[in-house]
Amino acid sequence: MNKVLWLIANYNVQKDSVVKGNYNGEGWVSSLLQIVQSSNVVDLGVAYITHSIQEKESVRDGAFYFPIYEKPKTSLQKLRKYYGGYKRKAINDLNVQLLSVINKFQPDVIHLFGLENPMATILGRGCVPVVVHMQGLLGPIDNAFFPQGFNNSSFLWPITKREWLIRNGYIFAQKDIHVRGEREKELFANMKYCMGRTEWDKQVSRLMAPNSIYFHVDEVLRTTFYENAGKWKKLQKSTFIITSTISETIYKGLDVILKTAHLLKNETNLNFLWQVVGINDSSDFVRFFEKKSGIRSADVHLNYLGVQDERSLCQILLSSNVYVHPSYIDNSSNSVCEAQMLGVPVIGTYVGGIPSLIRHMESGILVPANAPFELAEWIKQLSENEDICNSLSKNGFQAATIRHDKKKILNDLISAYKSTIFINSHA
């Protein structure tokens, strides 16, 4: 039985789940962990970064857990970073701990989740092969960071504490991603094996690491969405319910939602409600986009629902007429995949890996990025045409069922491990 060491940047051992701030994202990593643990096909170790020095090595459900301690930054250290410290190439002292874990666990292969992972500096060190699971690609994100009509200057007025005093706002976020994207190029040069799930991440890996070997491994969804697979039924309600799940990230498309809702309100007779999961109605992020667009959310029937757990989100989607994904860049959106698994008709932007999830007019609708006019018209058409909705629902569900089959994903993952070990041993 092969020994595999996972490297996960953010993992909560107590909750046995990957965490990302207060946003219910990255559930697919935890879901993948569950099927690997229950399969008993590999000896699994999980190294994860923690800011708690009290955490110790442990064994849970047959897997070995190795905390990699990273000292939390003081307020002064954070402020120094916000004022330009992100430009300096930080000395990564995690490798000493990580190499110790590798020597102790003696893995046959290392599975690194994301080049943005601080432990990615292990690439090119030692003789254990490392297969990189492609996640967010910082170079392409940097390229699409600002929506049309926005740049750094957009955030200088009105004066805010985050942008002018603390300097940890969106100007910092863009510059930080740019610098990290440059470092990502160096990591690509050391990448020999990678796995992804879309044509987009495959093409990026071919460009940036042309000599690397690519394995296709799809994502496991959260349990609730398997339990409710295909349960969506077209709603017979007087109000047409649109749902989107986005975070307070500049390139996720809140501006597109506002502009599209404005068109629906003023150019159609559609009685609609647009629910936005992941953002609170009191958010400064919402106020910023309202001021820039001149569109008040309340005037165009937008309702912000905040962060929802997976069961609540599932019920929200099942009570929706259509799911809209307006992002300017994405790899394989969990939200699109989950909506398709339920059978909800989906409209997504033709960016990044989304075309690998949606076949236009078959398993969903594709529109260009920042295309509120096309998006508004498609929403209107779906509200009027039950046959199209039912067809998109059926085909989207069937595509998601095949794509997210747990047994197939596990087999593909194990095959990638074995191939990596075999190729590396004969190199």
Protein backbone atom coordinates (compact mmCIF):
# COMPACT_ATOMS: atom_id res chain seq x y z
CA MET A 1 0.00 0.00 0.00
CA ASN A 2 1.44 3.37 -1.04
CA LYS A 3 1.99 6.14 1.49
CA VAL A 4 0.63 9.53 0.46
CA LEU A 5 1.27 12.81 2.26
CA TRP A 6 -1.23 15.62 1.69
CA LEU A 7 -0.15 19.24 2.14
CA ILE A 8 -3.16 21.44 3.01
CA ALA A 9 -2.69 25.11 3.86
CA ASN A 10 -5.84 25.59 5.97
CA TYR A 11 -7.24 22.67 7.90
CA ASN A 12 -9.26 22.53 11.10
CA VAL A 13 -8.48 19.22 12.79
CA GLN A 14 -11.19 19.72 15.40
CA LYS A 15 -13.90 20.14 12.75
CA ASP A 16 -12.18 17.77 10.32
CA SER A 17 -12.64 20.26 7.51
CA VAL A 18 -10.81 22.68 5.28
CA VAL A 19 -11.50 26.25 6.27
CA LYS A 20 -11.39 29.54 4.40
CA GLY A 21 -12.15 32.45 6.69
CA ASN A 22 -15.87 32.57 7.42
CA TYR A 23 -16.82 31.45 3.90
CA ASN A 24 -18.14 27.97 3.32
CA GLY A 25 -15.80 27.28 0.42
CA GLU A 26 -13.28 24.53 -0.40
CA GLY A 27 -15.63 21.81 0.83
CA TRP A 28 -14.41 19.57 -1.96
CA VAL A 29 -11.04 19.00 -0.24
CA SER A 30 -12.73 17.81 2.94
CA SER A 31 -15.10 15.67 0.86
CA LEU A 32 -12.17 14.12 -1.01
CA LEU A 33 -10.45 13.43 2.30
CA GLN A 34 -13.52 11.53 3.53
CA ILE A 35 -13.63 9.12 0.58
CA VAL A 36 -9.87 8.52 0.67
CA GLN A 37 -9.98 7.77 4.40
CA SER A 38 -12.94 5.43 4.06
CA SER A 39 -11.45 3.54 1.09
CA ASN A 40 -8.31 2.30 2.88
CA VAL A 41 -6.45 2.20 -0.45
CA VAL A 42 -3.50 4.32 0.71
CA ASP A 43 -1.70 5.08 3.95
CA LEU A 44 -2.59 8.74 4.32
CA GLY A 45 -0.75 11.51 6.10
CA VAL A 46 -1.98 15.11 6.26
CA ALA A 47 0.39 17.99 6.94
CA TYR A 48 -1.43 21.27 7.60
CA ILE A 49 -0.50 24.77 8.73
CA THR A 50 -1.63 25.87 12.17
CA HIS A 51 -1.12 29.00 14.24
CA SER A 52 -1.57 27.05 17.47
CA ILE A 53 1.68 25.77 18.94
CA GLN A 54 -0.31 23.43 21.21
CA GLU A 55 -1.42 21.16 18.36
CA LYS A 56 0.37 17.82 18.26
CA GLU A 57 0.66 14.96 15.83
CA SER A 58 -2.37 12.69 15.92
CA VAL A 59 -4.08 9.75 14.26
CA ARG A 60 -7.73 10.03 13.25
CA ASP A 61 -9.77 7.58 11.21
CA GLY A 62 -6.63 5.81 10.10
CA ALA A 63 -4.87 8.98 8.85
CA PHE A 64 -1.79 10.59 10.40
CA TYR A 65 -2.00 14.35 11.02
CA PHE A 66 1.09 16.54 11.21
CA PRO A 67 0.71 20.18 12.30
CA ILE A 68 3.14 22.62 10.68
CA TYR A 69 3.38 25.56 13.05
CA GLU A 70 3.45 29.05 11.62
CA LYS A 71 3.80 31.83 14.14
CA PRO A 72 0.90 34.29 13.76
CA LYS A 73 1.85 37.80 12.69
CA THR A 74 1.58 40.61 15.18
CA SER A 75 -0.50 43.67 14.30
CA LEU A 76 2.71 45.56 13.53
CA GLN A 77 3.99 42.80 11.26
CA LYS A 78 0.67 42.75 9.39
CA LEU A 79 0.81 46.54 8.99
CA ARG A 80 4.36 46.34 7.60
CA LYS A 81 3.15 43.80 5.05
CA TYR A 82 0.21 46.00 4.04
CA TYR A 83 2.61 48.91 3.51
CA GLY A 84 4.65 47.03 0.93
CA GLY A 85 6.03 44.05 2.81
CA TYR A 86 4.30 41.74 0.33
CA LYS A 87 6.96 42.72 -2.24
CA ARG A 88 9.75 41.11 -0.25
CA LYS A 89 10.48 37.46 -0.87
CA ALA A 90 9.73 35.99 2.54
CA ILE A 91 12.02 33.33 3.92
CA ASN A 92 9.88 30.24 4.30
CA ASP A 93 10.83 28.50 7.54
CA LEU A 94 8.10 25.88 7.10
CA ASN A 95 10.37 23.67 5.01
CA VAL A 96 12.42 22.62 8.03
CA GLN A 97 9.30 21.27 9.76
CA LEU A 98 7.94 19.83 6.53
CA LEU A 99 11.15 17.97 5.72
CA SER A 100 11.05 16.55 9.24
CA VAL A 101 7.51 15.27 8.61
CA ILE A 102 8.59 13.76 5.28
CA ASN A 103 11.52 11.98 6.90
CA LYS A 104 9.24 10.64 9.62
CA PHE A 105 6.29 9.57 7.43
CA GLN A 106 8.39 8.42 4.45
CA PRO A 107 5.72 9.01 1.78
CA ASP A 108 5.90 7.51 -1.70
CA VAL A 109 4.23 10.60 -3.14
CA ILE A 110 3.30 14.06 -1.88
CA HIS A 111 -0.03 15.67 -2.85
CA LEU A 112 0.23 19.47 -2.72
CA PHE A 113 -3.08 21.37 -2.77
CA GLY A 114 -2.44 24.54 -4.75
CA LEU A 115 0.67 26.44 -5.82
CA GLU A 116 -0.56 29.30 -3.62
CA ASN A 117 -0.05 26.97 -0.64
CA PRO A 118 2.86 28.26 1.54
CA MET A 119 4.21 24.69 1.58
CA ALA A 120 4.64 24.79 -2.21
CA THR A 121 8.28 25.77 -1.66
CA ILE A 122 8.90 22.05 -1.08
CA LEU A 123 8.80 21.66 -4.88
CA GLY A 124 12.22 20.73 -6.20
CA ARG A 125 13.51 19.65 -2.79
CA GLY A 126 14.22 16.01 -2.04
CA CYS A 127 13.54 12.89 -4.06
CA VAL A 128 9.88 12.30 -3.15
CA PRO A 129 7.68 13.17 -6.16
CA VAL A 130 5.17 15.98 -5.64
CA VAL A 131 1.90 16.14 -7.58
CA VAL A 132 0.28 19.59 -7.51
CA HIS A 133 -3.50 19.87 -7.37
CA MET A 134 -4.29 22.96 -9.45
CA GLN A 135 -6.58 25.35 -7.60
CA GLY A 136 -6.60 29.13 -7.88
CA LEU A 137 -4.06 30.26 -10.50
CA LEU A 138 -2.75 33.62 -9.38
CA GLY A 139 -1.38 34.83 -12.72
CA PRO A 140 -4.73 34.56 -14.53
CA ILE A 141 -6.55 35.96 -11.47
CA ASP A 142 -4.23 38.99 -11.52
CA ASN A 143 -5.04 39.46 -15.21
CA ALA A 144 -8.80 39.52 -14.53
CA PHE A 145 -8.76 41.10 -11.06
CA PHE A 146 -10.46 44.41 -11.85
CA PRO A 147 -13.88 44.53 -13.53
CA GLN A 148 -14.21 46.78 -16.57
CA GLY A 149 -14.02 50.44 -15.55
CA PHE A 150 -12.15 49.71 -12.31
CA ASN A 151 -8.50 50.15 -11.34
CA ASN A 152 -6.51 51.03 -8.22
CA SER A 153 -7.77 54.60 -8.34
CA SER A 154 -11.36 53.39 -8.00
CA PHE A 155 -10.71 52.63 -4.33
CA LEU A 156 -9.11 55.94 -3.33
CA TRP A 157 -12.39 57.80 -3.01
CA PRO A 158 -14.35 57.99 -0.85
CA ILE A 159 -11.60 57.83 1.76
CA THR A 160 -11.74 54.64 3.83
CA LYS A 161 -9.67 53.37 6.74
CA ARG A 162 -8.87 50.09 4.95
CA GLU A 163 -7.41 51.75 1.83
CA TRP A 164 -5.79 54.89 3.30
CA LEU A 165 -4.72 53.97 6.83
CA ILE A 166 -4.44 50.20 7.27
CA ARG A 167 -3.87 49.65 3.53
CA ASN A 168 -5.26 46.11 3.52
CA GLY A 169 -8.06 46.78 1.05
CA TYR A 170 -8.43 45.95 -2.63
CA ILE A 171 -5.39 47.91 -3.79
CA PHE A 172 -3.28 45.76 -1.48
CA ALA A 173 -5.11 42.59 -2.57
CA GLN A 174 -4.38 43.23 -6.26
CA LYS A 175 -0.72 44.09 -5.68
CA ASP A 176 -0.29 41.11 -3.35
CA ILE A 177 -1.80 38.71 -5.92
CA HIS A 178 0.46 40.20 -8.61
CA VAL A 179 3.60 39.60 -6.55
CA ARG A 180 2.47 36.10 -5.56
CA GLY A 181 1.70 35.43 -9.22
CA GLU A 182 5.30 36.23 -10.09
CA ARG A 183 6.46 33.76 -7.44
CA GLU A 184 3.99 31.24 -8.84
CA LYS A 185 5.94 31.31 -12.12
CA GLU A 186 9.04 30.14 -10.25
CA LEU A 187 7.08 27.29 -8.66
CA PHE A 188 5.72 26.21 -12.05
CA ALA A 189 9.33 25.75 -13.17
CA ASN A 190 9.78 23.10 -10.46
CA MET A 191 6.46 21.33 -11.06
CA LYS A 192 6.79 17.88 -12.64
CA TYR A 193 3.35 16.39 -11.95
CA CYS A 194 -0.03 18.07 -11.61
CA MET A 195 -3.71 17.24 -11.52
CA GLY A 196 -6.65 19.38 -12.53
CA ARG A 197 -10.22 19.12 -13.76
CA THR A 198 -10.80 21.70 -16.48
CA GLU A 199 -9.44 22.50 -19.92
CA TRP A 200 -8.40 25.87 -18.52
CA ASP A 201 -6.09 24.61 -15.77
CA LYS A 202 -4.69 22.05 -18.22
CA GLN A 203 -3.84 24.76 -20.76
CA VAL A 204 -2.27 26.99 -18.10
CA SER A 205 -0.13 24.09 -16.85
CA ARG A 206 0.93 23.26 -20.43
CA LEU A 207 2.03 26.87 -20.95
CA MET A 208 3.77 27.43 -17.62
CA ALA A 209 5.19 23.92 -17.07
CA PRO A 210 5.30 22.32 -20.56
CA ASN A 211 7.32 19.32 -19.43
CA SER A 212 5.04 18.42 -16.54
CA ILE A 213 2.62 15.48 -16.62
CA TYR A 214 -1.07 16.31 -16.21
CA PHE A 215 -3.69 14.04 -14.62
CA HIS A 216 -7.44 14.70 -14.79
CA VAL A 217 -9.12 14.27 -11.40
CA ASP A 218 -12.56 15.76 -10.76
CA GLU A 219 -13.85 17.14 -7.47
CA VAL A 220 -16.01 15.51 -4.82
CA LEU A 221 -18.96 17.64 -3.79
CA ARG A 222 -20.33 18.12 -0.29
CA THR A 223 -22.54 15.31 1.02
CA THR A 224 -25.82 17.25 1.05
CA PHE A 225 -25.71 17.77 -2.70
CA TYR A 226 -25.41 14.02 -3.37
CA GLU A 227 -28.31 13.38 -1.02
CA ASN A 228 -30.48 15.85 -2.93
CA ALA A 229 -29.19 15.11 -6.43
CA GLY A 230 -31.74 15.78 -9.15
CA LYS A 231 -34.45 16.94 -6.75
CA TRP A 232 -35.03 20.36 -8.33
CA LYS A 233 -38.42 20.91 -9.90
CA LYS A 234 -39.48 23.96 -11.87
CA LEU A 235 -41.21 26.32 -9.49
CA GLN A 236 -44.69 27.57 -10.21
CA LYS A 237 -44.43 30.85 -8.35
CA SER A 238 -45.38 34.38 -9.29
CA THR A 239 -41.87 35.58 -8.37
CA PHE A 240 -38.95 34.30 -10.44
CA ILE A 241 -36.11 33.44 -8.01
CA ILE A 242 -32.52 33.95 -9.15
CA THR A 243 -29.66 32.83 -6.88
CA SER A 244 -25.92 33.54 -7.00
CA THR A 245 -23.21 32.51 -4.55
CA ILE A 246 -20.23 34.87 -4.44
CA SER A 247 -17.75 36.20 -1.90
CA GLU A 248 -16.57 39.74 -1.19
CA THR A 249 -13.99 39.47 -3.94
CA ILE A 250 -13.71 42.18 -6.56
CA TYR A 251 -13.69 39.83 -9.57
CA LYS A 252 -16.66 37.67 -8.54
CA GLY A 253 -19.15 39.83 -10.42
CA LEU A 254 -21.31 41.77 -7.98
CA ASP A 255 -21.19 44.67 -10.45
CA VAL A 256 -22.62 42.37 -13.15
CA ILE A 257 -25.45 41.30 -10.83
CA LEU A 258 -26.36 44.92 -10.09
CA LYS A 259 -26.31 45.93 -13.77
CA THR A 260 -28.28 42.86 -14.86
CA ALA A 261 -30.90 43.31 -12.14
CA HIS A 262 -31.24 46.96 -13.19
CA LEU A 263 -31.94 45.88 -16.78
CA LEU A 264 -34.46 43.27 -15.68
CA LYS A 265 -36.25 45.84 -13.55
CA ASN A 266 -36.39 48.55 -16.20
CA GLU A 267 -36.52 46.69 -19.51
CA THR A 268 -38.72 43.69 -18.76
CA ASN A 269 -41.97 42.86 -17.01
CA LEU A 270 -40.36 40.04 -15.03
CA ASN A 271 -41.35 39.86 -11.37
CA PHE A 272 -38.09 38.61 -9.86
CA LEU A 273 -36.04 38.35 -6.69
CA TRP A 274 -32.24 37.94 -6.91
CA GLN A 275 -30.71 36.22 -3.86
CA VAL A 276 -26.98 36.67 -3.26
CA VAL A 277 -25.45 34.10 -0.89
CA GLY A 278 -22.08 34.83 0.73
CA ILE A 279 -22.49 38.58 1.30
CA ASN A 280 -24.37 40.45 4.03
CA ASP A 281 -26.67 43.35 3.17
CA SER A 282 -24.79 45.59 5.61
CA SER A 283 -21.46 44.96 3.87
CA ASP A 284 -19.25 47.90 2.88
CA PHE A 285 -18.50 45.83 -0.21
CA VAL A 286 -22.14 46.19 -1.30
CA ARG A 287 -22.16 49.91 -0.55
CA PHE A 288 -19.01 50.38 -2.64
CA PHE A 289 -20.48 48.73 -5.73
CA GLU A 290 -23.78 50.52 -5.28
CA LYS A 291 -22.00 53.89 -5.28
CA LYS A 292 -19.85 53.02 -8.30
CA SER A 293 -22.79 51.72 -10.32
CA GLY A 294 -25.39 54.19 -9.11
CA ILE A 295 -27.73 51.24 -8.50
CA ARG A 296 -29.25 50.55 -5.08
CA SER A 297 -29.77 46.87 -4.34
CA ALA A 298 -33.17 47.48 -2.78
CA ASP A 299 -34.35 49.24 -5.96
CA VAL A 300 -33.58 46.22 -8.18
CA HIS A 301 -34.85 43.40 -5.96
CA LEU A 302 -31.49 42.15 -4.64
CA ASN A 303 -31.52 40.30 -1.33
CA TYR A 304 -28.24 39.44 0.43
CA LEU A 305 -28.42 36.24 2.49
CA GLY A 306 -24.92 36.14 3.98
CA VAL A 307 -22.84 33.00 4.45
CA GLN A 308 -24.94 29.80 4.55
CA ASP A 309 -24.05 26.26 5.60
CA GLU A 310 -24.37 23.54 2.99
CA ARG A 311 -27.86 22.35 4.01
CA SER A 312 -29.29 25.86 4.02
CA LEU A 313 -27.64 26.60 0.67
CA CYS A 314 -29.07 23.38 -0.76
CA GLN A 315 -32.60 24.41 0.21
CA ILE A 316 -32.09 27.91 -1.16
CA LEU A 317 -31.02 26.46 -4.52
CA LEU A 318 -33.89 23.99 -4.62
CA SER A 319 -36.23 26.94 -4.10
CA SER A 320 -34.70 28.90 -6.99
CA ASN A 321 -35.65 29.08 -10.66
CA VAL A 322 -32.11 29.60 -11.93
CA TYR A 323 -28.54 29.79 -10.62
CA VAL A 324 -26.33 32.56 -12.08
CA HIS A 325 -22.53 32.55 -11.82
CA PRO A 326 -21.23 36.00 -12.90
CA SER A 327 -17.50 35.69 -12.08
CA TYR A 328 -14.78 37.30 -14.21
CA ILE A 329 -12.42 34.35 -13.61
CA ASP A 330 -12.76 30.91 -12.04
CA ASN A 331 -11.47 27.38 -12.37
CA SER A 332 -14.17 24.84 -11.53
CA SER A 333 -16.75 26.66 -9.46
CA ASN A 334 -18.11 24.51 -6.62
CA SER A 335 -21.30 26.58 -6.75
CA VAL A 336 -21.95 25.77 -10.42
CA CYS A 337 -21.26 22.08 -9.82
CA GLU A 338 -23.56 21.92 -6.79
CA ALA A 339 -26.40 23.68 -8.59
CA GLN A 340 -26.08 21.30 -11.55
CA MET A 341 -26.05 18.29 -9.23
CA LEU A 342 -29.38 19.41 -7.78
CA GLY A 343 -30.72 19.95 -11.29
CA VAL A 344 -31.05 23.74 -11.04
CA PRO A 345 -30.74 25.45 -14.47
CA VAL A 346 -27.41 27.29 -14.56
CA ILE A 347 -26.11 30.38 -16.36
CA GLY A 348 -22.36 30.95 -16.13
CA THR A 349 -19.73 33.18 -17.68
CA TYR A 350 -17.46 31.89 -20.43
CA VAL A 351 -14.26 32.29 -18.41
CA GLY A 352 -11.55 30.03 -17.02
CA GLY A 353 -12.74 26.50 -16.36
CA ILE A 354 -16.50 27.23 -16.51
CA PRO A 355 -16.83 26.02 -20.17
CA SER A 356 -15.59 22.61 -18.96
CA LEU A 357 -18.62 22.47 -16.65
CA ILE A 358 -21.27 23.93 -18.95
CA ARG A 359 -22.00 22.96 -22.53
CA HIS A 360 -23.93 25.90 -23.95
CA MET A 361 -27.63 25.26 -24.48
CA GLU A 362 -27.23 21.68 -23.23
CA SER A 363 -26.11 21.54 -19.61
CA GLY A 364 -26.41 25.27 -19.01
CA ILE A 365 -26.11 28.68 -20.60
CA LEU A 366 -22.79 30.48 -21.21
CA VAL A 367 -22.50 34.25 -21.53
CA PRO A 368 -19.39 36.45 -21.91
CA ALA A 369 -17.88 38.10 -18.86
CA ASN A 370 -19.45 41.45 -18.01
CA ALA A 371 -22.41 40.87 -20.34
CA PRO A 372 -25.45 42.16 -18.40
CA PHE A 373 -27.56 42.60 -21.54
CA GLU A 374 -27.11 38.99 -22.69
CA LEU A 375 -27.49 37.73 -19.14
CA ALA A 376 -30.72 39.67 -18.62
CA GLU A 377 -32.17 38.32 -21.87
CA TRP A 378 -31.30 34.71 -20.99
CA ILE A 379 -32.88 35.08 -17.56
CA LYS A 380 -35.99 36.47 -19.24
CA GLN A 381 -36.07 33.56 -21.72
CA LEU A 382 -35.76 30.97 -18.94
CA SER A 383 -38.61 32.64 -17.07
CA GLU A 384 -40.80 32.22 -20.16
CA ASN A 385 -39.74 28.83 -21.50
CA GLU A 386 -40.38 25.79 -19.32
CA ASP A 387 -39.01 23.37 -21.92
CA ILE A 388 -35.57 25.03 -21.92
CA CYS A 389 -35.49 25.00 -18.11
CA ASN A 390 -36.38 21.32 -17.95
CA SER A 391 -33.79 20.45 -20.61
CA LEU A 392 -31.00 22.38 -18.87
CA SER A 393 -32.01 20.82 -15.56
CA LYS A 394 -31.92 17.26 -16.87
CA ASN A 395 -28.69 17.62 -18.84
CA GLY A 396 -26.92 19.58 -16.13
CA PHE A 397 -27.82 16.95 -13.55
CA GLN A 398 -26.64 14.12 -15.81
CA ALA A 399 -23.33 15.88 -16.53
CA ALA A 400 -22.75 16.56 -12.82
CA THR A 401 -23.60 12.96 -11.87
CA ILE A 402 -20.91 11.63 -14.22
CA ARG A 403 -18.36 14.32 -13.39
CA HIS A 404 -18.69 13.97 -9.61
CA ASP A 405 -18.99 10.19 -9.33
CA LYS A 406 -17.09 9.37 -6.13
CA LYS A 407 -15.88 5.95 -7.25
CA LYS A 408 -14.49 7.31 -10.52
CA ILE A 409 -12.81 10.23 -8.76
CA LEU A 410 -11.16 7.91 -6.25
CA ASN A 411 -9.94 5.60 -9.02
CA ASP A 412 -8.54 8.55 -11.00
CA LEU A 413 -6.80 9.88 -7.89
CA ILE A 414 -5.18 6.55 -7.02
CA SER A 415 -4.17 6.09 -10.67
CA ALA A 416 -2.49 9.51 -10.62
CA TYR A 417 -0.57 8.56 -7.47
CA LYS A 418 0.59 5.24 -8.92
CA SER A 419 1.57 6.79 -12.25
CA THR A 420 3.53 9.54 -10.49
CA ILE A 421 5.40 7.01 -8.36
CA PHE A 422 6.09 4.75 -11.35
CA ILE A 423 7.27 7.54 -13.68
CA ASN A 424 9.42 9.10 -10.99
CA SER A 425 11.10 5.77 -10.15
CA HIS A 426 11.99 5.22 -13.83
CA ALA A 427 13.12 8.75 -14.58
